[in-house]
C-alpha atoms as a PDB file:
ATOM      1  CA  GLU A   1       8.606 -21.314  15.870  1.00  0.00           C
ATOM      2  CA  PRO A   2       9.708 -18.958  13.069  1.00  0.00           C
ATOM      3  CA  ALA A   3       8.844 -21.446  10.335  1.00  0.00           C
ATOM      4  CA  GLU A   4       5.314 -21.864  11.700  1.00  0.00           C
ATOM      5  CA  ARG A   5       4.792 -18.093  11.906  1.00  0.00           C
ATOM      6  CA  LEU A   6       6.051 -17.652   8.355  1.00  0.00           C
ATOM      7  CA  ARG A   7       3.750 -20.448   7.119  1.00  0.00           C
ATOM      8  CA  ALA A   8       0.814 -18.685   8.827  1.00  0.00           C
ATOM      9  CA  LEU A   9       1.700 -15.446   7.005  1.00  0.00           C
ATOM     10  CA  LEU A  10       1.893 -17.301   3.707  1.00  0.00           C
ATOM     11  CA  GLU A  11      -1.494 -18.927   4.135  1.00  0.00           C
ATOM     12  CA  ASN A  12      -3.326 -15.799   5.281  1.00  0.00           C
ATOM     13  CA  GLU A  13      -4.478 -14.009   2.128  1.00  0.00           C
ATOM     14  CA  THR A  14      -5.514 -10.916   4.069  1.00  0.00           C
ATOM     15  CA  PHE A  15      -1.852  -9.875   4.246  1.00  0.00           C
ATOM     16  CA  PRO A  16      -0.602  -7.740   1.334  1.00  0.00           C
ATOM     17  CA  PHE A  17       1.298  -9.465  -1.465  1.00  0.00           C
ATOM     18  CA  TRP A  18       4.603  -7.896  -0.424  1.00  0.00           C
ATOM     19  CA  VAL A  19       4.331  -9.210   3.161  1.00  0.00           C
ATOM     20  CA  ARG A  20       3.535 -12.703   1.871  1.00  0.00           C
ATOM     21  CA  ALA A  21       6.381 -12.564  -0.676  1.00  0.00           C
ATOM     22  CA  CYS A  22       8.849 -11.640   2.073  1.00  0.00           C
ATOM     23  CA  ALA A  23       7.490 -14.445   4.259  1.00  0.00           C
ATOM     24  CA  LEU A  24       7.943 -16.913   1.400  1.00  0.00           C
ATOM     25  CA  TYR A  25      11.468 -15.690   0.788  1.00  0.00           C
ATOM     26  CA  SER A  26      12.330 -16.057   4.478  1.00  0.00           C
ATOM     27  CA  PHE A  27      10.630 -19.453   4.755  1.00  0.00           C
ATOM     28  CA  ALA A  28      12.561 -20.761   1.742  1.00  0.00           C
ATOM     29  CA  ARG A  29      15.852 -19.517   3.200  1.00  0.00           C
ATOM     30  CA  LEU A  30      15.104 -21.209   6.536  1.00  0.00           C
ATOM     31  CA  ASN A  31      13.873 -24.420   4.879  1.00  0.00           C
ATOM     32  CA  PRO A  32      15.791 -24.953   1.610  1.00  0.00           C
ATOM     33  CA  GLY A  33      14.161 -27.378  -0.809  1.00  0.00           C
ATOM     34  CA  THR A  34      10.726 -27.343   0.838  1.00  0.00           C
ATOM     35  CA  ILE A  35       8.955 -25.008  -1.589  1.00  0.00           C
ATOM     36  CA  GLN A  36       8.421 -26.129  -5.167  1.00  0.00           C
ATOM     37  CA  GLY A  37       7.216 -23.963  -8.032  1.00  0.00           C
ATOM     38  CA  GLU A  38       7.419 -20.645  -6.167  1.00  0.00           C
ATOM     39  CA  SER A  39      10.413 -19.169  -7.966  1.00  0.00           C
ATOM     40  CA  ALA A  40       8.357 -16.213  -9.295  1.00  0.00           C
ATOM     41  CA  MET A  41       7.681 -14.930  -5.790  1.00  0.00           C
ATOM     42  CA  LEU A  42      11.286 -15.409  -4.757  1.00  0.00           C
ATOM     43  CA  SER A  43      12.302 -13.591  -7.891  1.00  0.00           C
ATOM     44  CA  THR A  44      10.016 -10.701  -6.940  1.00  0.00           C
ATOM     45  CA  VAL A  45      11.740 -10.349  -3.571  1.00  0.00           C
ATOM     46  CA  GLU A  46      15.166 -10.410  -5.179  1.00  0.00           C
ATOM     47  CA  LYS A  47      14.092  -7.822  -7.751  1.00  0.00           C
ATOM     48  CA  VAL A  48      12.769  -5.543  -4.998  1.00  0.00           C
ATOM     49  CA  LEU A  49      16.081  -5.805  -3.150  1.00  0.00           C
ATOM     50  CA  ILE A  50      17.883  -4.775  -6.343  1.00  0.00           C
ATOM     51  CA  LEU A  51      15.438  -1.942  -7.122  1.00  0.00           C
ATOM     52  CA  LYS A  52      16.030  -0.473  -3.655  1.00  0.00           C
ATOM     53  CA  THR A  53      19.660   0.137  -4.712  1.00  0.00           C
ATOM     54  CA  VAL A  54      18.674   2.041  -7.887  1.00  0.00           C
ATOM     55  CA  SER A  55      18.469   5.822  -7.422  1.00  0.00           C
ATOM     56  CA  MET A  56      15.209   6.102  -9.340  1.00  0.00           C
ATOM     57  CA  PHE A  57      13.470   3.737  -6.913  1.00  0.00           C
ATOM     58  CA  SER A  58      15.431   4.331  -3.703  1.00  0.00           C
ATOM     59  CA  LYS A  59      12.596   6.263  -2.014  1.00  0.00           C
ATOM     60  CA  THR A  60       9.791   4.038  -3.275  1.00  0.00           C
ATOM     61  CA  PRO A  61       8.035   1.861  -0.660  1.00  0.00           C
ATOM     62  CA  ASP A  62       8.712  -1.873  -0.837  1.00  0.00           C
ATOM     63  CA  ASN A  63       5.113  -2.809  -1.608  1.00  0.00           C
ATOM     64  CA  VAL A  64       5.170  -0.468  -4.632  1.00  0.00           C
ATOM     65  CA  LEU A  65       8.529  -1.908  -5.721  1.00  0.00           C
ATOM     66  CA  ALA A  66       6.915  -5.354  -5.666  1.00  0.00           C
ATOM     67  CA  ASP A  67       4.471  -4.067  -8.299  1.00  0.00           C
ATOM     68  CA  VAL A  68       7.359  -2.639 -10.346  1.00  0.00           C
ATOM     69  CA  ALA A  69       9.294  -5.918 -10.014  1.00  0.00           C
ATOM     70  CA  ASP A  70       6.419  -7.843 -11.575  1.00  0.00           C
ATOM     71  CA  LEU A  71       6.733  -5.708 -14.724  1.00  0.00           C
ATOM     72  CA  LEU A  72      10.478  -6.212 -15.243  1.00  0.00           C
ATOM     73  CA  GLU A  73      11.965  -8.483 -17.875  1.00  0.00           C
ATOM     74  CA  GLU A  74      15.498  -9.764 -17.334  1.00  0.00           C
ATOM     75  CA  LEU A  75      17.818  -9.662 -20.356  1.00  0.00           C
ATOM     76  CA  ASP A  76      21.318 -11.008 -20.925  1.00  0.00           C
ATOM     77  CA  VAL A  77      23.365  -9.012 -23.418  1.00  0.00           C
ATOM     78  CA  SER A  78      26.653 -10.221 -24.899  1.00  0.00           C
ATOM     79  CA  GLU A  79      29.821  -8.160 -25.109  1.00  0.00           C
ATOM     80  CA  ASN A  80      29.658  -5.724 -28.069  1.00  0.00           C
ATOM     81  CA  GLU A  81      25.922  -6.348 -28.546  1.00  0.00           C
ATOM     82  CA  THR A  82      23.918  -3.223 -29.349  1.00  0.00           C
ATOM     83  CA  ILE A  83      20.943  -2.761 -27.031  1.00  0.00           C
ATOM     84  CA  PHE A  84      19.452  -0.010 -29.160  1.00  0.00           C
ATOM     85  CA  GLN A  85      20.581   2.385 -31.890  1.00  0.00           C
ATOM     86  CA  LYS A  86      20.265   6.134 -32.118  1.00  0.00           C
ATOM     87  CA  GLY A  87      17.038   6.849 -34.010  1.00  0.00           C
ATOM     88  CA  ASP A  88      15.290   3.647 -32.911  1.00  0.00           C
ATOM     89  CA  SER A  89      11.824   4.123 -31.528  1.00  0.00           C
ATOM     90  CA  GLY A  90      12.053   3.920 -27.762  1.00  0.00           C
ATOM     91  CA  ASP A  91       9.560   2.349 -25.408  1.00  0.00           C
ATOM     92  CA  SER A  92      11.683   0.902 -22.594  1.00  0.00           C
ATOM     93  CA  LEU A  93      13.868   1.845 -19.673  1.00  0.00           C
ATOM     94  CA  TYR A  94      16.833  -0.357 -18.700  1.00  0.00           C
ATOM     95  CA  ILE A  95      18.512  -1.000 -15.360  1.00  0.00           C
ATOM     96  CA  ILE A  96      21.983  -2.547 -15.320  1.00  0.00           C
ATOM     97  CA  LEU A  97      22.159  -5.459 -12.885  1.00  0.00           C
ATOM     98  CA  ASP A  98      25.790  -6.172 -13.655  1.00  0.00           C
ATOM     99  CA  GLY A  99      28.131  -5.408 -16.495  1.00  0.00           C
ATOM    100  CA  LYS A 100      28.940  -2.213 -18.336  1.00  0.00           C
ATOM    101  CA  VAL A 101      27.519  -0.352 -21.339  1.00  0.00           C
ATOM    102  CA  ARG A 102      28.754   2.438 -23.555  1.00  0.00           C
ATOM    103  CA  VAL A 103      26.419   5.282 -24.529  1.00  0.00           C
ATOM    104  CA  HIS A 104      27.555   6.716 -27.857  1.00  0.00           C
ATOM    105  CA  ASP A 105      26.657   8.633 -30.974  1.00  0.00           C
ATOM    106  CA  GLY A 106      28.478   6.780 -33.719  1.00  0.00           C
ATOM    107  CA  GLU A 107      32.107   6.697 -32.589  1.00  0.00           C
ATOM    108  CA  GLN A 108      31.697   9.590 -30.146  1.00  0.00           C
ATOM    109  CA  LEU A 109      31.607   8.302 -26.571  1.00  0.00           C
ATOM    110  CA  LEU A 110      28.992  10.021 -24.431  1.00  0.00           C
ATOM    111  CA  ASN A 111      29.181   7.954 -21.246  1.00  0.00           C
ATOM    112  CA  TYR A 112      29.897   4.613 -19.624  1.00  0.00           C
ATOM    113  CA  LEU A 113      27.258   3.155 -17.325  1.00  0.00           C
ATOM    114  CA  GLY A 114      27.584   0.283 -14.874  1.00  0.00           C
ATOM    115  CA  GLU A 115      25.858  -1.629 -12.121  1.00  0.00           C
ATOM    116  CA  ARG A 116      22.528  -0.115 -10.969  1.00  0.00           C
ATOM    117  CA  ASP A 117      22.658   2.695 -13.533  1.00  0.00           C
ATOM    118  CA  VAL A 118      19.492   3.449 -15.511  1.00  0.00           C
ATOM    119  CA  PHE A 119      19.270   4.366 -19.189  1.00  0.00           C
ATOM    120  CA  GLY A 120      16.495   4.888 -21.705  1.00  0.00           C
ATOM    121  CA  GLU A 121      14.241   6.482 -19.090  1.00  0.00           C
ATOM    122  CA  MET A 122      13.107   9.279 -21.416  1.00  0.00           C
ATOM    123  CA  ALA A 123      11.505   6.649 -23.659  1.00  0.00           C
ATOM    124  CA  LEU A 124       9.051   5.783 -20.897  1.00  0.00           C
ATOM    125  CA  LEU A 125       7.536   9.259 -21.123  1.00  0.00           C
ATOM    126  CA  ASP A 126       8.379  10.387 -24.652  1.00  0.00           C
ATOM    127  CA  PRO A 127       7.853   8.317 -27.826  1.00  0.00           C
ATOM    128  CA  GLU A 128      10.515  10.241 -29.758  1.00  0.00           C
ATOM    129  CA  PRO A 129      13.409   8.306 -31.342  1.00  0.00           C
ATOM    130  CA  ARG A 130      16.427   7.374 -29.205  1.00  0.00           C
ATOM    131  CA  LEU A 131      19.024  10.153 -28.913  1.00  0.00           C
ATOM    132  CA  ALA A 132      22.031   7.828 -28.664  1.00  0.00           C
ATOM    133  CA  SER A 133      23.084   4.221 -29.122  1.00  0.00           C
ATOM    134  CA  VAL A 134      23.870   1.894 -26.230  1.00  0.00           C
ATOM    135  CA  THR A 135      26.240  -1.067 -26.617  1.00  0.00           C
ATOM    136  CA  ALA A 136      27.421  -3.603 -24.038  1.00  0.00           C
ATOM    137  CA  VAL A 137      31.134  -3.237 -23.256  1.00  0.00           C
ATOM    138  CA  GLU A 138      31.097  -6.633 -21.527  1.00  0.00           C
ATOM    139  CA  ALA A 139      28.507  -9.332 -20.855  1.00  0.00           C
ATOM    140  CA  THR A 140      25.699  -7.452 -19.117  1.00  0.00           C
ATOM    141  CA  ARG A 141      22.467  -8.385 -17.338  1.00  0.00           C
ATOM    142  CA  LEU A 142      19.614  -5.881 -17.529  1.00  0.00           C
ATOM    143  CA  PHE A 143      16.094  -5.320 -16.343  1.00  0.00           C
ATOM    144  CA  ARG A 144      13.805  -3.859 -19.000  1.00  0.00           C
ATOM    145  CA  LEU A 145      10.644  -1.946 -18.114  1.00  0.00           C
ATOM    146  CA  ASP A 146       8.279  -1.262 -21.027  1.00  0.00           C
ATOM    147  CA  ARG A 147       6.174   1.880 -21.421  1.00  0.00           C
ATOM    148  CA  ALA A 148       2.636   0.390 -21.544  1.00  0.00           C
ATOM    149  CA  PRO A 149       2.755  -1.459 -18.207  1.00  0.00           C
ATOM    150  CA  PHE A 150       4.698   1.446 -16.695  1.00  0.00           C
ATOM    151  CA  TYR A 151       1.869   3.878 -17.559  1.00  0.00           C
ATOM    152  CA  GLY A 152      -0.622   1.586 -15.867  1.00  0.00           C
ATOM    153  CA  LEU A 153       1.548   1.418 -12.770  1.00  0.00           C
ATOM    154  CA  MET A 154       2.110   5.200 -12.727  1.00  0.00           C
ATOM    155  CA  SER A 155      -1.622   5.824 -12.710  1.00  0.00           C
ATOM    156  CA  GLU A 156      -2.019   3.548  -9.683  1.00  0.00           C
ATOM    157  CA  ARG A 157       1.241   4.400  -7.892  1.00  0.00           C
ATOM    158  CA  PRO A 158       2.305   8.069  -8.065  1.00  0.00           C
ATOM    159  CA  GLU A 159       5.504   7.206  -6.139  1.00  0.00           C
ATOM    160  CA  VAL A 160       6.841   5.607  -9.317  1.00  0.00           C
ATOM    161  CA  ALA A 161       6.206   8.771 -11.352  1.00  0.00           C
ATOM    162  CA  THR A 162       8.020  10.779  -8.681  1.00  0.00           C
ATOM    163  CA  GLY A 163      11.072   8.536  -9.044  1.00  0.00           C
ATOM    164  CA  ILE A 164      11.361   8.952 -12.795  1.00  0.00           C
ATOM    165  CA  ILE A 165      10.791  12.705 -12.523  1.00  0.00           C
ATOM    166  CA  ARG A 166      13.644  12.864  -9.995  1.00  0.00           C
ATOM    167  CA  VAL A 167      15.992  11.027 -12.399  1.00  0.00           C
ATOM    168  CA  LEU A 168      15.046  13.164 -15.397  1.00  0.00           C
ATOM    169  CA  THR A 169      15.418  16.442 -13.512  1.00  0.00           C
ATOM    170  CA  GLY A 170      18.820  15.239 -12.293  1.00  0.00           C
ATOM    171  CA  HIS A 171      19.877  14.669 -15.902  1.00  0.00           C
ATOM    172  CA  LEU A 172      18.576  18.099 -16.881  1.00  0.00           C
ATOM    173  CA  ARG A 173      20.387  19.726 -13.965  1.00  0.00           C
ATOM    174  CA  ASN A 174      23.656  18.029 -15.020  1.00  0.00           C
ATOM    175  CA  ARG A 175      23.273  19.199 -18.637  1.00  0.00           C
ATOM    176  CA  VAL A 176      22.605  22.793 -17.526  1.00  0.00           C
ATOM    177  CA  SER A 177      25.728  22.598 -15.352  1.00  0.00           C
ATOM    178  CA  ASP A 178      27.743  21.225 -18.310  1.00  0.00           C
ATOM    179  CA  ILE A 179      26.544  24.079 -20.532  1.00  0.00           C
ATOM    180  CA  ALA A 180      27.374  26.666 -17.851  1.00  0.00           C
ATOM    181  CA  GLN A 181      30.922  25.294 -17.598  1.00  0.00           C
ATOM    182  CA  LEU A 182      31.397  25.521 -21.375  1.00  0.00           C
END
């Protein structure tokens, strides 16, 4: 029976964490209400599913994403709430789960970002002050990834470093294109 096979996966600690987390997620979906106190593992699976839809992590293996998911903090931001100001010291990257934010320098609009967009990624690699402010346009849910745990993960999982390098080079490529058009 599927439930018995999933229970066997859960109980066998020789399987990697990600395999066991997926088994728990599947077991809970097949048997609602039977697992108590395991919301953290279910949350990890849900976070991995979300991370797979984010460009920065789209090519990262699931087991590595499970490690990333454990480092994420979920934040709820109200409409018109400032997430950070230009000049603030930066030490976090943000992923928009749902909602919309405005990237701006004072009153000058630089960009709007929405679901699954990433911002603040330069702060993970560079401790310089923030180059722009970011304010929620509507109620927004975010994941925040802080620099210190990210560095630890990068040293163990080079796939994560590759993802952020891909995002940053994409931004650089877009800016060079913008300058060429001017």
